Every structure is written in structure tokens, then in C-alpha cells.
PDB file of N, CA and C in Angstrom:
ATOM      1  N   UNK A   1     -25.882  29.800  73.597  1.00  0.00           N
ATOM      2  CA  UNK A   1     -25.691  29.428  72.213  1.00  0.00           C
ATOM      3  C   UNK A   1     -26.902  29.847  71.391  1.00  0.00           C
ATOM      4  N   UNK A   2     -26.622  30.314  70.172  1.00  0.00           N
ATOM      5  CA  UNK A   2     -27.711  30.686  69.271  1.00  0.00           C
ATOM      6  C   UNK A   2     -28.235  29.450  68.563  1.00  0.00           C
ATOM      7  N   UNK A   3     -29.529  29.417  68.362  1.00  0.00           N
ATOM      8  CA  UNK A   3     -30.126  28.322  67.595  1.00  0.00           C
ATOM      9  C   UNK A   3     -30.159  28.732  66.128  1.00  0.00           C
ATOM     10  N   UNK A   4     -29.766  27.831  65.269  1.00  0.00           N
ATOM     11  CA  UNK A   4     -29.788  28.095  63.831  1.00  0.00           C
ATOM     12  C   UNK A   4     -30.802  27.179  63.174  1.00  0.00           C
ATOM     13  N   UNK A   5     -31.614  27.756  62.365  1.00  0.00           N
ATOM     14  CA  UNK A   5     -32.609  26.991  61.634  1.00  0.00           C
ATOM     15  C   UNK A   5     -31.970  26.483  60.353  1.00  0.00           C
ATOM     16  N   UNK A   6     -32.050  25.216  60.122  1.00  0.00           N
ATOM     17  CA  UNK A   6     -31.477  24.630  58.915  1.00  0.00           C
ATOM     18  C   UNK A   6     -32.615  24.215  57.996  1.00  0.00           C
ATOM     19  N   UNK A   7     -32.651  24.805  56.819  1.00  0.00           N
ATOM     20  CA  UNK A   7     -33.697  24.490  55.856  1.00  0.00           C
ATOM     21  C   UNK A   7     -33.128  23.605  54.758  1.00  0.00           C
ATOM     22  N   UNK A   8     -33.928  22.676  54.256  1.00  0.00           N
ATOM     23  CA  UNK A   8     -33.443  21.843  53.151  1.00  0.00           C
ATOM     24  C   UNK A   8     -33.321  22.686  51.891  1.00  0.00           C
ATOM     25  N   UNK A   9     -32.435  22.286  50.979  1.00  0.00           N
ATOM     26  CA  UNK A   9     -32.311  23.047  49.731  1.00  0.00           C
ATOM     27  C   UNK A   9     -33.598  22.968  48.920  1.00  0.00           C
ATOM     28  N   UNK A  10     -33.870  24.024  48.194  1.00  0.00           N
ATOM     29  CA  UNK A  10     -35.052  24.055  47.331  1.00  0.00           C
ATOM     30  C   UNK A  10     -34.695  23.338  46.040  1.00  0.00           C
ATOM     31  N   UNK A  11     -35.440  22.297  45.685  1.00  0.00           N
ATOM     32  CA  UNK A  11     -35.098  21.572  44.458  1.00  0.00           C
ATOM     33  C   UNK A  11     -35.389  22.417  43.223  1.00  0.00           C
ATOM     34  N   UNK A  12     -34.509  22.343  42.248  1.00  0.00           N
ATOM     35  CA  UNK A  12     -34.709  23.035  40.977  1.00  0.00           C
ATOM     36  C   UNK A  12     -35.599  22.160  40.103  1.00  0.00           C
ATOM     37  N   UNK A  13     -36.485  22.759  39.362  1.00  0.00           N
ATOM     38  CA  UNK A  13     -37.378  22.016  38.483  1.00  0.00           C
ATOM     39  C   UNK A  13     -36.705  21.642  37.173  1.00  0.00           C
ATOM     40  N   UNK A  14     -35.543  22.191  36.920  1.00  0.00           N
ATOM     41  CA  UNK A  14     -34.866  21.982  35.649  1.00  0.00           C
ATOM     42  C   UNK A  14     -33.384  21.775  35.895  1.00  0.00           C
ATOM     43  N   UNK A  15     -32.750  21.114  34.956  1.00  0.00           N
ATOM     44  CA  UNK A  15     -31.301  20.935  35.051  1.00  0.00           C
ATOM     45  C   UNK A  15     -30.576  22.071  34.333  1.00  0.00           C
ATOM     46  N   UNK A  16     -31.310  23.085  33.940  1.00  0.00           N
ATOM     47  CA  UNK A  16     -30.738  24.228  33.233  1.00  0.00           C
ATOM     48  C   UNK A  16     -29.687  24.928  34.087  1.00  0.00           C
ATOM     49  N   UNK A  17     -28.597  25.420  33.444  1.00  0.00           N
ATOM     50  CA  UNK A  17     -27.586  26.154  34.202  1.00  0.00           C
ATOM     51  C   UNK A  17     -28.049  27.556  34.593  1.00  0.00           C
ATOM     52  N   UNK A  18     -29.212  27.982  34.119  1.00  0.00           N
ATOM     53  CA  UNK A  18     -29.702  29.319  34.393  1.00  0.00           C
ATOM     54  C   UNK A  18     -30.457  29.331  35.709  1.00  0.00           C
ATOM     55  N   UNK A  19     -30.348  30.437  36.416  1.00  0.00           N
ATOM     56  CA  UNK A  19     -31.006  30.529  37.709  1.00  0.00           C
ATOM     57  C   UNK A  19     -32.462  30.951  37.596  1.00  0.00           C
ATOM     58  N   UNK A  20     -32.839  31.492  36.468  1.00  0.00           N
ATOM     59  CA  UNK A  20     -34.232  31.872  36.248  1.00  0.00           C
ATOM     60  C   UNK A  20     -34.484  31.842  34.747  1.00  0.00           C
ATOM     61  N   UNK A  21     -35.744  31.737  34.327  1.00  0.00           N
ATOM     62  CA  UNK A  21     -36.024  31.753  32.887  1.00  0.00           C
ATOM     63  C   UNK A  21     -35.488  33.008  32.196  1.00  0.00           C
ATOM     64  N   UNK A  22     -35.406  34.110  32.908  1.00  0.00           N
ATOM     65  CA  UNK A  22     -34.906  35.358  32.319  1.00  0.00           C
ATOM     66  C   UNK A  22     -33.427  35.270  31.960  1.00  0.00           C
ATOM     67  N   UNK A  23     -32.700  34.337  32.577  1.00  0.00           N
ATOM     68  CA  UNK A  23     -31.281  34.185  32.266  1.00  0.00           C
ATOM     69  C   UNK A  23     -31.044  33.239  31.099  1.00  0.00           C
ATOM     70  N   UNK A  24     -32.090  32.596  30.617  1.00  0.00           N
ATOM     71  CA  UNK A  24     -31.994  31.763  29.414  1.00  0.00           C
ATOM     72  C   UNK A  24     -32.178  32.703  28.225  1.00  0.00           C
ATOM     73  N   UNK A  25     -31.073  33.209  27.713  1.00  0.00           N
ATOM     74  CA  UNK A  25     -31.139  34.233  26.663  1.00  0.00           C
ATOM     75  C   UNK A  25     -31.635  33.693  25.334  1.00  0.00           C
ATOM     76  N   UNK A  26     -31.451  32.393  25.093  1.00  0.00           N
ATOM     77  CA  UNK A  26     -31.809  31.808  23.804  1.00  0.00           C
ATOM     78  C   UNK A  26     -32.689  30.568  23.977  1.00  0.00           C
ATOM     79  N   UNK A  27     -33.933  30.735  24.389  1.00  0.00           N
ATOM     80  CA  UNK A  27     -34.804  29.568  24.543  1.00  0.00           C
ATOM     81  C   UNK A  27     -35.053  28.891  23.194  1.00  0.00           C
ATOM     82  N   UNK A  28     -35.019  27.572  23.203  1.00  0.00           N
ATOM     83  CA  UNK A  28     -35.142  26.804  21.962  1.00  0.00           C
ATOM     84  C   UNK A  28     -36.397  27.138  21.172  1.00  0.00           C
ATOM     85  N   UNK A  29     -37.509  27.362  21.854  1.00  0.00           N
ATOM     86  CA  UNK A  29     -38.759  27.621  21.142  1.00  0.00           C
ATOM     87  C   UNK A  29     -38.743  28.948  20.386  1.00  0.00           C
ATOM     88  N   UNK A  30     -37.885  29.864  20.774  1.00  0.00           N
ATOM     89  CA  UNK A  30     -37.779  31.151  20.079  1.00  0.00           C
ATOM     90  C   UNK A  30     -36.654  31.118  19.050  1.00  0.00           C
ATOM     91  N   UNK A  31     -35.534  30.500  19.394  1.00  0.00           N
ATOM     92  CA  UNK A  31     -34.369  30.465  18.495  1.00  0.00           C
ATOM     93  C   UNK A  31     -34.734  29.888  17.133  1.00  0.00           C
ATOM     94  N   UNK A  32     -35.598  28.887  17.112  1.00  0.00           N
ATOM     95  CA  UNK A  32     -35.996  28.269  15.849  1.00  0.00           C
ATOM     96  C   UNK A  32     -36.707  29.218  14.902  1.00  0.00           C
ATOM     97  N   UNK A  33     -37.225  30.319  15.410  1.00  0.00           N
ATOM     98  CA  UNK A  33     -37.943  31.298  14.580  1.00  0.00           C
ATOM     99  C   UNK A  33     -37.084  32.480  14.150  1.00  0.00           C
ATOM    100  N   UNK A  34     -35.856  32.556  14.648  1.00  0.00           N
ATOM    101  CA  UNK A  34     -35.000  33.704  14.332  1.00  0.00           C
ATOM    102  C   UNK A  34     -34.249  33.438  13.031  1.00  0.00           C
ATOM    103  N   UNK A  35     -34.323  34.355  12.072  1.00  0.00           N
ATOM    104  CA  UNK A  35     -33.582  34.173  10.820  1.00  0.00           C
ATOM    105  C   UNK A  35     -32.078  34.102  11.066  1.00  0.00           C
ATOM    106  N   UNK A  36     -31.390  33.407  10.168  1.00  0.00           N
ATOM    107  CA  UNK A  36     -29.938  33.312  10.251  1.00  0.00           C
ATOM    108  C   UNK A  36     -29.271  34.613   9.841  1.00  0.00           C
ATOM    109  N   UNK A  37     -27.965  34.668  10.041  1.00  0.00           N
ATOM    110  CA  UNK A  37     -27.188  35.866   9.716  1.00  0.00           C
ATOM    111  C   UNK A  37     -27.360  36.244   8.247  1.00  0.00           C
ATOM    112  N   UNK A  38     -27.712  37.490   8.008  1.00  0.00           N
ATOM    113  CA  UNK A  38     -27.867  38.019   6.657  1.00  0.00           C
ATOM    114  C   UNK A  38     -29.219  37.771   6.028  1.00  0.00           C
ATOM    115  N   UNK A  39     -30.051  36.960   6.640  1.00  0.00           N
ATOM    116  CA  UNK A  39     -31.338  36.611   6.030  1.00  0.00           C
ATOM    117  C   UNK A  39     -32.348  37.753   6.013  1.00  0.00           C
ATOM    118  N   UNK A  40     -32.120  38.796   6.791  1.00  0.00           N
ATOM    119  CA  UNK A  40     -33.063  39.925   6.788  1.00  0.00           C
ATOM    120  C   UNK A  40     -32.475  41.154   6.103  1.00  0.00           C
ATOM    121  N   UNK A  41     -31.318  40.990   5.453  1.00  0.00           N
ATOM    122  CA  UNK A  41     -30.616  42.157   4.888  1.00  0.00           C
ATOM    123  C   UNK A  41     -31.433  42.919   3.847  1.00  0.00           C
ATOM    124  N   UNK A  42     -32.357  42.243   3.161  1.00  0.00           N
ATOM    125  CA  UNK A  42     -33.166  42.951   2.164  1.00  0.00           C
ATOM    126  C   UNK A  42     -34.480  43.475   2.754  1.00  0.00           C
ATOM    127  N   UNK A  43     -34.711  43.217   4.022  1.00  0.00           N
ATOM    128  CA  UNK A  43     -35.933  43.670   4.680  1.00  0.00           C
ATOM    129  C   UNK A  43     -35.657  45.010   5.370  1.00  0.00           C
ATOM    130  N   UNK A  44     -36.328  46.082   4.961  1.00  0.00           N
ATOM    131  CA  UNK A  44     -36.082  47.384   5.588  1.00  0.00           C
ATOM    132  C   UNK A  44     -36.617  47.480   7.021  1.00  0.00           C
ATOM    133  N   UNK A  45     -37.439  46.521   7.418  1.00  0.00           N
ATOM    134  CA  UNK A  45     -38.035  46.562   8.757  1.00  0.00           C
ATOM    135  C   UNK A  45     -38.085  45.143   9.354  1.00  0.00           C
ATOM    136  N   UNK A  46     -36.900  44.565   9.626  1.00  0.00           N
ATOM    137  CA  UNK A  46     -36.886  43.185  10.141  1.00  0.00           C
ATOM    138  C   UNK A  46     -37.542  43.083  11.519  1.00  0.00           C
ATOM    139  N   UNK A  47     -37.917  41.887  11.853  1.00  0.00           N
ATOM    140  CA  UNK A  47     -38.571  41.614  13.138  1.00  0.00           C
ATOM    141  C   UNK A  47     -37.522  41.415  14.229  1.00  0.00           C
ATOM    142  N   UNK A  48     -37.759  42.018  15.381  1.00  0.00           N
ATOM    143  CA  UNK A  48     -36.957  41.721  16.567  1.00  0.00           C
ATOM    144  C   UNK A  48     -37.653  40.562  17.284  1.00  0.00           C
ATOM    145  N   UNK A  49     -36.889  39.511  17.573  1.00  0.00           N
ATOM    146  CA  UNK A  49     -37.445  38.306  18.183  1.00  0.00           C
ATOM    147  C   UNK A  49     -37.183  38.210  19.678  1.00  0.00           C
ATOM    148  N   UNK A  50     -36.096  38.827  20.127  1.00  0.00           N
ATOM    149  CA  UNK A  50     -35.711  38.771  21.535  1.00  0.00           C
ATOM    150  C   UNK A  50     -35.267  40.140  22.013  1.00  0.00           C
ATOM    151  N   UNK A  51     -35.452  40.369  23.283  1.00  0.00           N
ATOM    152  CA  UNK A  51     -34.953  41.590  23.922  1.00  0.00           C
ATOM    153  C   UNK A  51     -34.157  41.167  25.152  1.00  0.00           C
ATOM    154  N   UNK A  52     -32.888  41.590  25.207  1.00  0.00           N
ATOM    155  CA  UNK A  52     -32.032  41.348  26.367  1.00  0.00           C
ATOM    156  C   UNK A  52     -31.695  42.697  26.975  1.00  0.00           C
ATOM    157  N   UNK A  53     -31.505  42.741  28.275  1.00  0.00           N
ATOM    158  CA  UNK A  53     -31.189  44.015  28.923  1.00  0.00           C
ATOM    159  C   UNK A  53     -30.366  43.791  30.179  1.00  0.00           C
ATOM    160  N   UNK A  54     -29.649  44.827  30.574  1.00  0.00           N
ATOM    161  CA  UNK A  54     -28.944  44.811  31.851  1.00  0.00           C
ATOM    162  C   UNK A  54     -29.873  45.481  32.859  1.00  0.00           C
ATOM    163  N   UNK A  55     -30.279  44.762  33.907  1.00  0.00           N
ATOM    164  CA  UNK A  55     -31.218  45.348  34.861  1.00  0.00           C
ATOM    165  C   UNK A  55     -30.613  46.462  35.708  1.00  0.00           C
ATOM    166  N   UNK A  56     -29.277  46.568  35.693  1.00  0.00           N
ATOM    167  CA  UNK A  56     -28.630  47.581  36.531  1.00  0.00           C
ATOM    168  C   UNK A  56     -27.732  48.529  35.734  1.00  0.00           C
ATOM    169  N   UNK A  57     -28.018  48.662  34.448  1.00  0.00           N
ATOM    170  CA  UNK A  57     -27.350  49.690  33.633  1.00  0.00           C
ATOM    171  C   UNK A  57     -28.219  49.959  32.412  1.00  0.00           C
ATOM    172  N   UNK A  58     -27.767  50.806  31.532  1.00  0.00           N
ATOM    173  CA  UNK A  58     -28.637  51.279  30.464  1.00  0.00           C
ATOM    174  C   UNK A  58     -28.462  50.637  29.105  1.00  0.00           C
ATOM    175  N   UNK A  59     -28.195  49.338  29.036  1.00  0.00           N
ATOM    176  CA  UNK A  59     -28.024  48.693  27.736  1.00  0.00           C
ATOM    177  C   UNK A  59     -29.141  47.699  27.464  1.00  0.00           C
ATOM    178  N   UNK A  60     -29.596  47.691  26.204  1.00  0.00           N
ATOM    179  CA  UNK A  60     -30.616  46.755  25.744  1.00  0.00           C
ATOM    180  C   UNK A  60     -30.222  46.279  24.357  1.00  0.00           C
ATOM    181  N   UNK A  61     -30.391  44.977  24.116  1.00  0.00           N
ATOM    182  CA  UNK A  61     -30.092  44.378  22.822  1.00  0.00           C
ATOM    183  C   UNK A  61     -31.385  43.788  22.267  1.00  0.00           C
ATOM    184  N   UNK A  62     -31.678  44.083  21.000  1.00  0.00           N
ATOM    185  CA  UNK A  62     -32.823  43.508  20.300  1.00  0.00           C
ATOM    186  C   UNK A  62     -32.273  42.612  19.196  1.00  0.00           C
ATOM    187  N   UNK A  63     -32.706  41.363  19.156  1.00  0.00           N
ATOM    188  CA  UNK A  63     -32.152  40.371  18.235  1.00  0.00           C
ATOM    189  C   UNK A  63     -33.060  40.184  17.025  1.00  0.00           C
ATOM    190  N   UNK A  64     -32.483  40.418  15.824  1.00  0.00           N
ATOM    191  CA  UNK A  64     -33.204  40.213  14.569  1.00  0.00           C
ATOM    192  C   UNK A  64     -32.717  38.966  13.841  1.00  0.00           C
ATOM    193  N   UNK A  65     -31.443  38.608  14.026  1.00  0.00           N
ATOM    194  CA  UNK A  65     -30.846  37.441  13.367  1.00  0.00           C
ATOM    195  C   UNK A  65     -29.947  36.720  14.372  1.00  0.00           C
ATOM    196  N   UNK A  66     -29.743  35.423  14.122  1.00  0.00           N
ATOM    197  CA  UNK A  66     -28.876  34.666  15.025  1.00  0.00           C
ATOM    198  C   UNK A  66     -28.217  33.517  14.278  1.00  0.00           C
ATOM    199  N   UNK A  67     -26.913  33.363  14.479  1.00  0.00           N
ATOM    200  CA  UNK A  67     -26.142  32.251  13.924  1.00  0.00           C
ATOM    201  C   UNK A  67     -25.809  31.301  15.072  1.00  0.00           C
ATOM    202  N   UNK A  68     -26.485  30.139  15.141  1.00  0.00           N
ATOM    203  CA  UNK A  68     -26.257  29.227  16.263  1.00  0.00           C
ATOM    204  C   UNK A  68     -24.888  28.550  16.244  1.00  0.00           C
ATOM    205  N   UNK A  69     -24.238  28.498  15.093  1.00  0.00           N
ATOM    206  CA  UNK A  69     -22.909  27.878  15.011  1.00  0.00           C
ATOM    207  C   UNK A  69     -21.862  28.805  15.624  1.00  0.00           C
ATOM    208  N   UNK A  70     -21.833  30.053  15.158  1.00  0.00           N
ATOM    209  CA  UNK A  70     -20.858  31.024  15.673  1.00  0.00           C
ATOM    210  C   UNK A  70     -21.347  31.728  16.937  1.00  0.00           C
ATOM    211  N   UNK A  71     -22.620  31.548  17.264  1.00  0.00           N
ATOM    212  CA  UNK A  71     -23.229  32.162  18.448  1.00  0.00           C
ATOM    213  C   UNK A  71     -23.130  33.696  18.396  1.00  0.00           C
ATOM    214  N   UNK A  72     -23.399  34.211  17.187  1.00  0.00           N
ATOM    215  CA  UNK A  72     -23.387  35.656  16.957  1.00  0.00           C
ATOM    216  C   UNK A  72     -24.808  36.091  16.601  1.00  0.00           C
ATOM    217  N   UNK A  73     -25.264  37.147  17.239  1.00  0.00           N
ATOM    218  CA  UNK A  73     -26.574  37.719  16.940  1.00  0.00           C
ATOM    219  C   UNK A  73     -26.373  39.046  16.214  1.00  0.00           C
ATOM    220  N   UNK A  74     -27.385  39.440  15.474  1.00  0.00           N
ATOM    221  CA  UNK A  74     -27.383  40.740  14.810  1.00  0.00           C
ATOM    222  C   UNK A  74     -28.674  41.432  15.200  1.00  0.00           C
ATOM    223  N   UNK A  75     -28.553  42.718  15.496  1.00  0.00           N
ATOM    224  CA  UNK A  75     -29.741  43.468  15.861  1.00  0.00           C
ATOM    225  C   UNK A  75     -29.408  44.891  16.234  1.00  0.00           C
ATOM    226  N   UNK A  76     -30.198  45.433  17.114  1.00  0.00           N
ATOM    227  CA  UNK A  76     -30.110  46.836  17.496  1.00  0.00           C
ATOM    228  C   UNK A  76     -29.731  46.917  18.967  1.00  0.00           C
ATOM    229  N   UNK A  77     -28.726  47.726  19.254  1.00  0.00           N
ATOM    230  CA  UNK A  77     -28.253  47.891  20.631  1.00  0.00           C
ATOM    231  C   UNK A  77     -28.586  49.303  21.090  1.00  0.00           C
ATOM    232  N   UNK A  78     -29.277  49.392  22.210  1.00  0.00           N
ATOM    233  CA  UNK A  78     -29.610  50.687  22.792  1.00  0.00           C
ATOM    234  C   UNK A  78     -28.676  50.909  23.973  1.00  0.00           C
ATOM    235  N   UNK A  79     -27.880  51.955  23.868  1.00  0.00           N
ATOM    236  CA  UNK A  79     -26.949  52.359  24.912  1.00  0.00           C
ATOM    237  C   UNK A  79     -26.736  53.850  24.739  1.00  0.00           C
ATOM    238  N   UNK A  80     -25.563  54.353  25.095  1.00  0.00           N
ATOM    239  CA  UNK A  80     -25.302  55.779  24.903  1.00  0.00           C
ATOM    240  C   UNK A  80     -25.435  56.212  23.438  1.00  0.00           C
ATOM    241  N   UNK A  81     -25.079  55.295  22.510  1.00  0.00           N
ATOM    242  CA  UNK A  81     -25.170  55.585  21.079  1.00  0.00           C
ATOM    243  C   UNK A  81     -25.878  54.418  20.405  1.00  0.00           C
ATOM    244  N   UNK A  82     -27.214  54.445  20.308  1.00  0.00           N
ATOM    245  CA  UNK A  82     -27.948  53.325  19.714  1.00  0.00           C
ATOM    246  C   UNK A  82     -27.467  53.028  18.295  1.00  0.00           C
ATOM    247  N   UNK A  83     -27.313  51.723  17.987  1.00  0.00           N
ATOM    248  CA  UNK A  83     -26.829  51.347  16.660  1.00  0.00           C
ATOM    249  C   UNK A  83     -27.155  49.899  16.345  1.00  0.00           C
ATOM    250  N   UNK A  84     -27.186  49.599  15.042  1.00  0.00           N
ATOM    251  CA  UNK A  84     -27.305  48.240  14.544  1.00  0.00           C
ATOM    252  C   UNK A  84     -25.921  47.609  14.575  1.00  0.00           C
ATOM    253  N   UNK A  85     -25.873  46.310  14.832  1.00  0.00           N
ATOM    254  CA  UNK A  85     -24.587  45.629  14.799  1.00  0.00           C
ATOM    255  C   UNK A  85     -24.691  44.178  15.212  1.00  0.00           C
ATOM    256  N   UNK A  86     -23.546  43.507  15.162  1.00  0.00           N
ATOM    257  CA  UNK A  86     -23.441  42.107  15.576  1.00  0.00           C
ATOM    258  C   UNK A  86     -22.886  42.044  16.989  1.00  0.00           C
ATOM    259  N   UNK A  87     -23.297  41.027  17.737  1.00  0.00           N
ATOM    260  CA  UNK A  87     -22.789  40.858  19.095  1.00  0.00           C
ATOM    261  C   UNK A  87     -22.719  39.376  19.431  1.00  0.00           C
ATOM    262  N   UNK A  88     -21.686  39.018  20.172  1.00  0.00           N
ATOM    263  CA  UNK A  88     -21.447  37.643  20.586  1.00  0.00           C
ATOM    264  C   UNK A  88     -22.346  37.298  21.773  1.00  0.00           C
ATOM    265  N   UNK A  89     -23.073  36.209  21.648  1.00  0.00           N
ATOM    266  CA  UNK A  89     -23.935  35.776  22.748  1.00  0.00           C
ATOM    267  C   UNK A  89     -23.092  35.432  23.973  1.00  0.00           C
ATOM    268  N   UNK A  90     -21.927  34.827  23.752  1.00  0.00           N
ATOM    269  CA  UNK A  90     -21.063  34.481  24.882  1.00  0.00           C
ATOM    270  C   UNK A  90     -20.575  35.735  25.608  1.00  0.00           C
ATOM    271  N   UNK A  91     -20.260  36.785  24.850  1.00  0.00           N
ATOM    272  CA  UNK A  91     -19.854  38.042  25.489  1.00  0.00           C
ATOM    273  C   UNK A  91     -21.022  38.673  26.240  1.00  0.00           C
ATOM    274  N   UNK A  92     -22.202  38.631  25.642  1.00  0.00           N
ATOM    275  CA  UNK A  92     -23.387  39.186  26.307  1.00  0.00           C
ATOM    276  C   UNK A  92     -23.616  38.466  27.639  1.00  0.00           C
ATOM    277  N   UNK A  93     -23.450  37.151  27.638  1.00  0.00           N
ATOM    278  CA  UNK A  93     -23.642  36.380  28.880  1.00  0.00           C
ATOM    279  C   UNK A  93     -22.637  36.763  29.958  1.00  0.00           C
ATOM    280  N   UNK A  94     -21.477  37.264  29.552  1.00  0.00           N
ATOM    281  CA  UNK A  94     -20.451  37.622  30.541  1.00  0.00           C
ATOM    282  C   UNK A  94     -20.590  39.063  31.042  1.00  0.00           C
ATOM    283  N   UNK A  95     -21.439  39.855  30.391  1.00  0.00           N
ATOM    284  CA  UNK A  95     -21.629  41.259  30.775  1.00  0.00           C
ATOM    285  C   UNK A  95     -22.306  41.338  32.141  1.00  0.00           C
ATOM    286  N   UNK A  96     -21.814  42.258  32.950  1.00  0.00           N
ATOM    287  CA  UNK A  96     -22.426  42.541  34.246  1.00  0.00           C
ATOM    288  C   UNK A  96     -22.600  44.047  34.363  1.00  0.00           C
ATOM    289  N   UNK A  97     -23.707  44.454  34.951  1.00  0.00           N
ATOM    290  CA  UNK A  97     -23.956  45.869  35.166  1.00  0.00           C
ATOM    291  C   UNK A  97     -23.265  46.359  36.423  1.00  0.00           C
ATOM    292  N   UNK A  98     -23.600  47.562  36.826  1.00  0.00           N
ATOM    293  CA  UNK A  98     -22.958  48.222  37.967  1.00  0.00           C
ATOM    294  C   UNK A  98     -23.089  47.437  39.272  1.00  0.00           C
ATOM    295  N   UNK A  99     -24.172  46.703  39.425  1.00  0.00           N
ATOM    296  CA  UNK A  99     -24.384  45.924  40.649  1.00  0.00           C
ATOM    297  C   UNK A  99     -23.967  44.462  40.489  1.00  0.00           C
ATOM    298  N   UNK A 100     -23.381  44.145  39.336  1.00  0.00           N
ATOM    299  CA  UNK A 100     -22.927  42.780  39.098  1.00  0.00           C
ATOM    300  C   UNK A 100     -24.002  41.836  38.595  1.00  0.00           C
ATOM    301  N   UNK A 101     -25.136  42.373  38.180  1.00  0.00           N
ATOM    302  CA  UNK A 101     -26.234  41.532  37.708  1.00  0.00           C
ATOM    303  C   UNK A 101     -26.026  41.125  36.252  1.00  0.00           C
ATOM    304  N   UNK A 102     -26.382  39.885  35.901  1.00  0.00           N
ATOM    305  CA  UNK A 102     -26.217  39.433  34.516  1.00  0.00           C
ATOM    306  C   UNK A 102     -27.314  39.982  33.608  1.00  0.00           C
ATOM    307  N   UNK A 103     -27.056  39.897  32.317  1.00  0.00           N
ATOM    308  CA  UNK A 103     -28.040  40.286  31.307  1.00  0.00           C
ATOM    309  C   UNK A 103     -29.233  39.335  31.416  1.00  0.00           C
ATOM    310  N   UNK A 104     -30.417  39.879  31.216  1.00  0.00           N
ATOM    311  CA  UNK A 104     -31.648  39.093  31.278  1.00  0.00           C
ATOM    312  C   UNK A 104     -32.421  39.216  29.976  1.00  0.00           C
ATOM    313  N   UNK A 105     -33.256  38.218  29.736  1.00  0.00           N
ATOM    314  CA  UNK A 105     -34.189  38.261  28.610  1.00  0.00           C
ATOM    315  C   UNK A 105     -35.504  38.821  29.135  1.00  0.00           C
ATOM    316  N   UNK A 106     -36.091  39.739  28.388  1.00  0.00           N
ATOM    317  CA  UNK A 106     -37.393  40.294  28.756  1.00  0.00           C
ATOM    318  C   UNK A 106     -38.444  39.225  28.468  1.00  0.00           C
ATOM    319  N   UNK A 107     -38.991  38.633  29.506  1.00  0.00           N
ATOM    320  CA  UNK A 107     -39.950  37.543  29.364  1.00  0.00           C
ATOM    321  C   UNK A 107     -41.291  38.008  28.810  1.00  0.00           C
ATOM    322  N   UNK A 108     -41.540  39.311  28.818  1.00  0.00           N
ATOM    323  CA  UNK A 108     -42.810  39.844  28.355  1.00  0.00           C
ATOM    324  C   UNK A 108     -42.706  40.504  26.983  1.00  0.00           C
ATOM    325  N   UNK A 109     -41.526  40.411  26.360  1.00  0.00           N
ATOM    326  CA  UNK A 109     -41.321  41.004  25.040  1.00  0.00           C
ATOM    327  C   UNK A 109     -41.990  40.140  23.976  1.00  0.00           C
ATOM    328  N   UNK A 110     -42.690  40.771  23.063  1.00  0.00           N
ATOM    329  CA  UNK A 110     -43.292  40.082  21.919  1.00  0.00           C
ATOM    330  C   UNK A 110     -42.577  40.522  20.659  1.00  0.00           C
ATOM    331  N   UNK A 111     -42.326  39.586  19.729  1.00  0.00           N
ATOM    332  CA  UNK A 111     -41.679  39.977  18.471  1.00  0.00           C
ATOM    333  C   UNK A 111     -42.417  41.152  17.833  1.00  0.00           C
ATOM    334  N   UNK A 112     -41.632  42.070  17.268  1.00  0.00           N
ATOM    335  CA  UNK A 112     -42.225  43.260  16.663  1.00  0.00           C
ATOM    336  C   UNK A 112     -41.323  43.771  15.549  1.00  0.00           C
ATOM    337  N   UNK A 113     -41.890  44.556  14.623  1.00  0.00           N
ATOM    338  CA  UNK A 113     -41.056  45.178  13.590  1.00  0.00           C
ATOM    339  C   UNK A 113     -40.013  46.080  14.244  1.00  0.00           C
ATOM    340  N   UNK A 114     -38.824  46.078  13.691  1.00  0.00           N
ATOM    341  CA  UNK A 114     -37.731  46.862  14.278  1.00  0.00           C
ATOM    342  C   UNK A 114     -38.056  48.347  14.353  1.00  0.00           C
ATOM    343  N   UNK A 115     -38.841  48.851  13.398  1.00  0.00           N
ATOM    344  CA  UNK A 115     -39.167  50.281  13.391  1.00  0.00           C
ATOM    345  C   UNK A 115     -39.901  50.709  14.662  1.00  0.00           C
ATOM    346  N   UNK A 116     -40.612  49.782  15.285  1.00  0.00           N
ATOM    347  CA  UNK A 116     -41.330  50.108  16.527  1.00  0.00           C
ATOM    348  C   UNK A 116     -40.344  50.515  17.624  1.00  0.00           C
ATOM    349  N   UNK A 117     -39.152  49.919  17.615  1.00  0.00           N
ATOM    350  CA  UNK A 117     -38.131  50.205  18.622  1.00  0.00           C
ATOM    351  C   UNK A 117     -37.190  51.309  18.152  1.00  0.00           C
ATOM    352  N   UNK A 118     -36.687  51.178  16.927  1.00  0.00           N
ATOM    353  CA  UNK A 118     -35.672  52.128  16.449  1.00  0.00           C
ATOM    354  C   UNK A 118     -36.224  53.544  16.321  1.00  0.00           C
ATOM    355  N   UNK A 119     -37.516  53.681  16.068  1.00  0.00           N
ATOM    356  CA  UNK A 119     -38.099  55.024  15.938  1.00  0.00           C
ATOM    357  C   UNK A 119     -38.102  55.775  17.270  1.00  0.00           C
ATOM    358  N   UNK A 120     -37.918  55.056  18.370  1.00  0.00           N
ATOM    359  CA  UNK A 120     -37.894  55.679  19.697  1.00  0.00           C
ATOM    360  C   UNK A 120     -36.495  56.132  20.100  1.00  0.00           C
ATOM    361  N   UNK A 121     -35.501  55.785  19.282  1.00  0.00           N
ATOM    362  CA  UNK A 121     -34.110  56.086  19.655  1.00  0.00           C
ATOM    363  C   UNK A 121     -33.452  56.891  18.595  1.00  0.00           C
TER     364      UNK A 121
END
């Protein structure tokens, strides 16, 4: 007979439904600083507050505005055809890349003027 080692479960430090901080796409401390929908429309160079990406495909979302009621973000999407637009946070959470990995938040991203990102695409 083979011996099996049984390890106790590792306790989670949080009751969050996310498996890692990178899966918390909208942390409360950042969401409070994001302008609402349409609030940056007169700004030619709005600030990106969050960066989300698929670790196993080529899509990245930069968030400039967020509506917490409708759960819709507005920003810049980098993919085959980079463009500005609105995107549903719930849909983003359901996206999976080629290996089935969920979208993650870049934990090392610092808010920056949108031109810093859009000028590269």
C-alpha cells in the first residue's frame, strides 16, 4: 500500500472570493479615486487608475473611469486593434485566456496619464 501524506488546508487570511490580490480587479482603496462615467470627457489626457490583463493572451485594459452602479468601466483596451471604449467589469471577470487563466490586476501599476500608454500603441 502507498502512504499518502495528508496536509491540513492552508487558512485564507481574507474572506475575499478572490484567490489572490491580483484577482481583485476593483480594490476599494483605488475605486474611490476613479472618476465616474463621463467625468474625464473634457480632459485630453485622463489618468489611467488600473491596469487589467490576461496573463495568457494579448489583451490589456486601462481604466480611466468607472460607474460602480452599472459596473461599467471606460478606458483604453490594448488588443489586436487598440481602442478607447466602455467595458463591463462582470464580463471582464468572466474572460479567460488560452490557458483558462482569469484576468488579473497589475499590482505594480501606478496611475499615469493616458498618453503614456496610448502613445505606445
